[in-house]
Structure formats: structure tokens, C-alpha cells
Amino acid sequence: MIRHILLIKFKSSAHPQKIEALQDLFESMPDKIEGVSAVEWGLNDSPEGKNKGFTHAVLMTFDDEEARQRYLPHPEHSALKEVFIPLLEDIVVFDYQV
């Protein structure tokens, strides 16, 4: 199993409705791409103030390496990026094996 973590900083101009539509796209990935077993979307609520401007997180779970390799070039992932990239100011991507 592979966990795929995104820490997201949106542009100040990113409209909340577009961010909500992006959330829906992320959360639909398990229904669209074989091997994407789960997606979680969350807002930072840490009281520590160490998020460096990153406000949202996405945690995706891939069944295995083949699933991750299927996701990366998949047309649904490309469609998600078309919505995502114009809203994005900065991102951290971190994957690890479970």
C-alpha cells in the first residue's frame, strides 16, 4: 500500500466554489481509477501555527505501486490537474509505503 500526501497552499484568488469542486474531483478518484482505494481531504486546524501557509491536505491510498503508476498518467488525473493547477500557489507531495 502507498500513501500519497499533498499539502496544498491555494492562491489567495482561488474561489471557494472552485476549491470545493476540486475536493469533489479528488474524492471521486476511487470510483474512477482502479487501485485508488481511498481519498481524504482536510483543512489545517493545528493550533501550532507551523503550517507555513499550507491550508489543505489530501491523503490518497494506492493499493500498490502498479496502482500509483496507473494513476499518474490516467486521463482522470489529467482532468483533475486542469482544475487544480490554476488554483495552486504551492504544494508538497510526499509518498511512502505502508
N, C-alpha and C. Protein backbone atom coordinates (compact mmCIF):
# COMPACT_ATOMS: atom_id res chain seq x y z
N MET A 1 0.85 -1.17 0.00
CA MET A 1 0.00 0.00 0.00
C MET A 1 0.90 1.24 0.00
N ILE A 2 0.47 2.25 -0.71
CA ILE A 2 1.22 3.51 -0.79
C ILE A 2 0.31 4.66 -0.36
N ARG A 3 0.82 5.49 0.51
CA ARG A 3 0.14 6.73 0.89
C ARG A 3 0.75 7.87 0.08
N HIS A 4 -0.11 8.71 -0.45
CA HIS A 4 0.27 9.84 -1.30
C HIS A 4 -0.31 11.08 -0.62
N ILE A 5 0.57 11.91 -0.06
CA ILE A 5 0.14 13.07 0.72
C ILE A 5 0.42 14.34 -0.07
N LEU A 6 -0.57 15.20 -0.14
CA LEU A 6 -0.42 16.52 -0.75
C LEU A 6 -0.71 17.56 0.33
N LEU A 7 0.21 18.48 0.52
CA LEU A 7 -0.02 19.65 1.36
C LEU A 7 -0.16 20.82 0.40
N ILE A 8 -1.26 21.54 0.50
CA ILE A 8 -1.65 22.49 -0.54
C ILE A 8 -1.76 23.90 0.01
N LYS A 9 -1.21 24.84 -0.75
CA LYS A 9 -1.39 26.27 -0.50
C LYS A 9 -2.06 26.83 -1.74
N PHE A 10 -3.29 27.28 -1.60
CA PHE A 10 -4.03 27.85 -2.72
C PHE A 10 -3.69 29.33 -2.89
N LYS A 11 -3.82 29.81 -4.12
CA LYS A 11 -3.69 31.24 -4.39
C LYS A 11 -4.77 31.98 -3.62
N SER A 12 -4.48 33.20 -3.20
CA SER A 12 -5.48 33.99 -2.49
C SER A 12 -6.69 34.27 -3.38
N SER A 13 -6.51 34.21 -4.69
CA SER A 13 -7.60 34.47 -5.63
C SER A 13 -8.45 33.23 -5.92
N ALA A 14 -8.06 32.08 -5.37
CA ALA A 14 -8.82 30.84 -5.62
C ALA A 14 -10.20 30.94 -5.00
N HIS A 15 -11.21 30.82 -5.83
CA HIS A 15 -12.60 30.94 -5.38
C HIS A 15 -13.00 29.69 -4.60
N PRO A 16 -13.67 29.86 -3.45
CA PRO A 16 -14.08 28.71 -2.64
C PRO A 16 -14.89 27.65 -3.41
N GLN A 17 -15.72 28.07 -4.36
CA GLN A 17 -16.50 27.09 -5.14
C GLN A 17 -15.59 26.23 -6.02
N LYS A 18 -14.52 26.80 -6.53
CA LYS A 18 -13.57 26.03 -7.34
C LYS A 18 -12.79 25.06 -6.47
N ILE A 19 -12.46 25.47 -5.25
CA ILE A 19 -11.78 24.57 -4.32
C ILE A 19 -12.72 23.42 -3.94
N GLU A 20 -13.98 23.71 -3.74
CA GLU A 20 -14.97 22.68 -3.43
C GLU A 20 -15.11 21.69 -4.60
N ALA A 21 -15.13 22.20 -5.82
CA ALA A 21 -15.21 21.33 -7.00
C ALA A 21 -13.97 20.45 -7.08
N LEU A 22 -12.81 21.00 -6.73
CA LEU A 22 -11.58 20.22 -6.72
C LEU A 22 -11.66 19.10 -5.68
N GLN A 23 -12.19 19.42 -4.52
CA GLN A 23 -12.37 18.39 -3.49
C GLN A 23 -13.22 17.25 -4.02
N ASP A 24 -14.31 17.59 -4.69
CA ASP A 24 -15.18 16.56 -5.27
C ASP A 24 -14.42 15.69 -6.27
N LEU A 25 -13.58 16.31 -7.09
CA LEU A 25 -12.79 15.55 -8.06
C LEU A 25 -11.84 14.58 -7.35
N PHE A 26 -11.14 15.08 -6.34
CA PHE A 26 -10.24 14.19 -5.60
C PHE A 26 -11.01 13.03 -4.98
N GLU A 27 -12.13 13.34 -4.34
CA GLU A 27 -12.88 12.30 -3.64
C GLU A 27 -13.53 11.30 -4.58
N SER A 28 -13.64 11.63 -5.86
CA SER A 28 -14.22 10.69 -6.82
C SER A 28 -13.19 9.73 -7.42
N MET A 29 -11.92 9.94 -7.16
CA MET A 29 -10.87 9.11 -7.78
C MET A 29 -11.00 7.61 -7.49
N PRO A 30 -11.39 7.19 -6.27
CA PRO A 30 -11.53 5.73 -6.05
C PRO A 30 -12.58 5.09 -6.96
N ASP A 31 -13.58 5.85 -7.37
CA ASP A 31 -14.62 5.31 -8.26
C ASP A 31 -14.17 5.32 -9.72
N LYS A 32 -13.12 6.06 -10.03
CA LYS A 32 -12.72 6.25 -11.41
C LYS A 32 -11.44 5.53 -11.81
N ILE A 33 -10.57 5.27 -10.83
CA ILE A 33 -9.27 4.69 -11.14
C ILE A 33 -9.05 3.46 -10.27
N GLU A 34 -8.88 2.34 -10.92
CA GLU A 34 -8.65 1.08 -10.21
C GLU A 34 -7.36 1.19 -9.38
N GLY A 35 -7.46 0.77 -8.13
CA GLY A 35 -6.30 0.76 -7.25
C GLY A 35 -6.16 1.99 -6.37
N VAL A 36 -6.97 3.03 -6.62
CA VAL A 36 -7.05 4.15 -5.69
C VAL A 36 -8.12 3.74 -4.68
N SER A 37 -7.69 3.35 -3.50
CA SER A 37 -8.65 2.76 -2.56
C SER A 37 -9.29 3.78 -1.62
N ALA A 38 -8.64 4.92 -1.41
CA ALA A 38 -9.23 5.92 -0.50
C ALA A 38 -8.64 7.29 -0.78
N VAL A 39 -9.47 8.31 -0.50
CA VAL A 39 -9.02 9.71 -0.56
C VAL A 39 -9.64 10.44 0.63
N GLU A 40 -8.80 11.17 1.34
CA GLU A 40 -9.26 12.02 2.43
C GLU A 40 -8.85 13.45 2.11
N TRP A 41 -9.72 14.39 2.43
CA TRP A 41 -9.48 15.82 2.21
C TRP A 41 -9.64 16.51 3.55
N GLY A 42 -8.70 17.36 3.91
CA GLY A 42 -8.83 18.03 5.20
C GLY A 42 -8.27 19.44 5.18
N LEU A 43 -8.77 20.24 6.12
CA LEU A 43 -8.31 21.61 6.33
C LEU A 43 -7.42 21.65 7.56
N ASN A 44 -6.35 22.42 7.48
CA ASN A 44 -5.46 22.55 8.63
C ASN A 44 -6.21 23.19 9.80
N ASP A 45 -6.11 22.57 10.95
CA ASP A 45 -6.67 23.18 12.15
C ASP A 45 -5.71 23.07 13.33
N SER A 46 -4.42 22.93 13.00
CA SER A 46 -3.40 22.85 14.04
C SER A 46 -3.26 24.20 14.75
N PRO A 47 -3.23 24.19 16.08
CA PRO A 47 -3.03 25.43 16.82
C PRO A 47 -1.56 25.85 16.89
N GLU A 48 -0.65 25.04 16.34
CA GLU A 48 0.78 25.31 16.47
C GLU A 48 1.30 26.41 15.55
N GLY A 49 0.57 26.72 14.47
CA GLY A 49 0.97 27.78 13.57
C GLY A 49 2.23 27.46 12.76
N LYS A 50 2.45 26.20 12.46
CA LYS A 50 3.65 25.80 11.73
C LYS A 50 3.34 25.26 10.34
N ASN A 51 2.19 25.61 9.80
CA ASN A 51 1.77 25.08 8.50
C ASN A 51 2.37 25.84 7.32
N LYS A 52 3.08 26.94 7.57
CA LYS A 52 3.78 27.71 6.54
C LYS A 52 2.86 28.11 5.38
N GLY A 53 1.60 28.39 5.71
CA GLY A 53 0.66 28.86 4.70
C GLY A 53 -0.09 27.74 3.98
N PHE A 54 0.27 26.50 4.23
CA PHE A 54 -0.44 25.38 3.62
C PHE A 54 -1.73 25.18 4.40
N THR A 55 -2.84 25.17 3.68
CA THR A 55 -4.15 25.18 4.34
C THR A 55 -4.94 23.89 4.18
N HIS A 56 -4.62 23.10 3.16
CA HIS A 56 -5.38 21.89 2.86
C HIS A 56 -4.44 20.70 2.72
N ALA A 57 -4.99 19.52 2.96
CA ALA A 57 -4.24 18.29 2.76
C ALA A 57 -5.12 17.28 2.05
N VAL A 58 -4.48 16.48 1.22
CA VAL A 58 -5.14 15.34 0.59
C VAL A 58 -4.28 14.13 0.91
N LEU A 59 -4.93 13.07 1.36
CA LEU A 59 -4.27 11.79 1.60
C LEU A 59 -4.93 10.76 0.71
N MET A 60 -4.17 10.25 -0.25
CA MET A 60 -4.67 9.21 -1.14
C MET A 60 -3.98 7.90 -0.78
N THR A 61 -4.71 6.82 -0.92
CA THR A 61 -4.15 5.49 -0.69
C THR A 61 -4.22 4.70 -1.98
N PHE A 62 -3.06 4.22 -2.42
CA PHE A 62 -2.97 3.34 -3.59
C PHE A 62 -2.76 1.92 -3.08
N ASP A 63 -3.41 0.96 -3.75
CA ASP A 63 -3.26 -0.43 -3.33
C ASP A 63 -1.82 -0.91 -3.41
N ASP A 64 -1.10 -0.45 -4.43
CA ASP A 64 0.27 -0.91 -4.66
C ASP A 64 0.94 0.01 -5.68
N GLU A 65 2.18 -0.31 -6.02
CA GLU A 65 2.94 0.50 -6.96
C GLU A 65 2.27 0.56 -8.33
N GLU A 66 1.69 -0.55 -8.76
CA GLU A 66 1.00 -0.56 -10.05
C GLU A 66 -0.15 0.43 -10.08
N ALA A 67 -0.86 0.54 -8.97
CA ALA A 67 -1.98 1.49 -8.89
C ALA A 67 -1.46 2.93 -8.99
N ARG A 68 -0.36 3.22 -8.31
CA ARG A 68 0.21 4.57 -8.40
C ARG A 68 0.63 4.87 -9.84
N GLN A 69 1.27 3.91 -10.48
CA GLN A 69 1.72 4.10 -11.85
C GLN A 69 0.54 4.22 -12.83
N ARG A 70 -0.58 3.60 -12.51
CA ARG A 70 -1.79 3.72 -13.32
C ARG A 70 -2.42 5.12 -13.14
N TYR A 71 -2.38 5.63 -11.91
CA TYR A 71 -2.98 6.93 -11.58
C TYR A 71 -2.26 8.09 -12.26
N LEU A 72 -0.92 8.09 -12.19
CA LEU A 72 -0.16 9.26 -12.63
C LEU A 72 -0.46 9.69 -14.07
N PRO A 73 -0.51 8.79 -15.06
CA PRO A 73 -0.82 9.22 -16.43
C PRO A 73 -2.30 9.12 -16.80
N HIS A 74 -3.14 8.74 -15.86
CA HIS A 74 -4.56 8.47 -16.15
C HIS A 74 -5.28 9.75 -16.60
N PRO A 75 -6.19 9.65 -17.57
CA PRO A 75 -6.94 10.84 -18.02
C PRO A 75 -7.73 11.54 -16.91
N GLU A 76 -8.22 10.80 -15.93
CA GLU A 76 -8.94 11.43 -14.82
C GLU A 76 -7.99 12.26 -13.96
N HIS A 77 -6.76 11.80 -13.80
CA HIS A 77 -5.76 12.59 -13.08
C HIS A 77 -5.42 13.85 -13.87
N SER A 78 -5.31 13.72 -15.18
CA SER A 78 -5.05 14.89 -16.02
C SER A 78 -6.18 15.90 -15.92
N ALA A 79 -7.42 15.43 -15.91
CA ALA A 79 -8.57 16.32 -15.78
C ALA A 79 -8.57 17.03 -14.43
N LEU A 80 -8.18 16.31 -13.38
CA LEU A 80 -8.09 16.90 -12.05
C LEU A 80 -7.03 18.00 -12.05
N LYS A 81 -5.89 17.75 -12.67
CA LYS A 81 -4.82 18.76 -12.71
C LYS A 81 -5.23 20.01 -13.47
N GLU A 82 -6.08 19.87 -14.47
CA GLU A 82 -6.56 21.06 -15.21
C GLU A 82 -7.33 22.01 -14.30
N VAL A 83 -8.04 21.46 -13.34
CA VAL A 83 -8.76 22.28 -12.36
C VAL A 83 -7.81 22.76 -11.27
N PHE A 84 -6.91 21.90 -10.85
CA PHE A 84 -6.05 22.12 -9.70
C PHE A 84 -4.96 23.18 -9.95
N ILE A 85 -4.22 23.04 -11.02
CA ILE A 85 -3.03 23.87 -11.25
C ILE A 85 -3.33 25.37 -11.26
N PRO A 86 -4.43 25.84 -11.88
CA PRO A 86 -4.69 27.29 -11.85
C PRO A 86 -4.99 27.84 -10.45
N LEU A 87 -5.37 26.97 -9.51
CA LEU A 87 -5.70 27.40 -8.15
C LEU A 87 -4.50 27.37 -7.22
N LEU A 88 -3.46 26.70 -7.64
CA LEU A 88 -2.35 26.32 -6.78
C LEU A 88 -1.27 27.39 -6.68
N GLU A 89 -0.93 27.73 -5.43
CA GLU A 89 0.23 28.59 -5.20
C GLU A 89 1.47 27.75 -4.92
N ASP A 90 1.31 26.70 -4.08
CA ASP A 90 2.44 25.85 -3.73
C ASP A 90 1.92 24.49 -3.28
N ILE A 91 2.79 23.49 -3.36
CA ILE A 91 2.39 22.13 -2.98
C ILE A 91 3.60 21.36 -2.50
N VAL A 92 3.36 20.46 -1.56
CA VAL A 92 4.33 19.46 -1.14
C VAL A 92 3.69 18.11 -1.44
N VAL A 93 4.42 17.26 -2.12
CA VAL A 93 3.95 15.90 -2.43
C VAL A 93 4.90 14.93 -1.76
N PHE A 94 4.35 13.99 -1.01
CA PHE A 94 5.16 13.04 -0.25
C PHE A 94 4.47 11.68 -0.30
N ASP A 95 5.19 10.68 -0.76
CA ASP A 95 4.66 9.32 -0.83
C ASP A 95 5.48 8.42 0.08
N TYR A 96 4.81 7.42 0.66
CA TYR A 96 5.53 6.42 1.43
C TYR A 96 4.77 5.09 1.38
N GLN A 97 5.52 4.02 1.57
CA GLN A 97 4.94 2.68 1.55
C GLN A 97 4.49 2.31 2.94
N VAL A 98 3.34 1.66 3.02
CA VAL A 98 2.80 1.19 4.30
C VAL A 98 3.07 -0.29 4.41
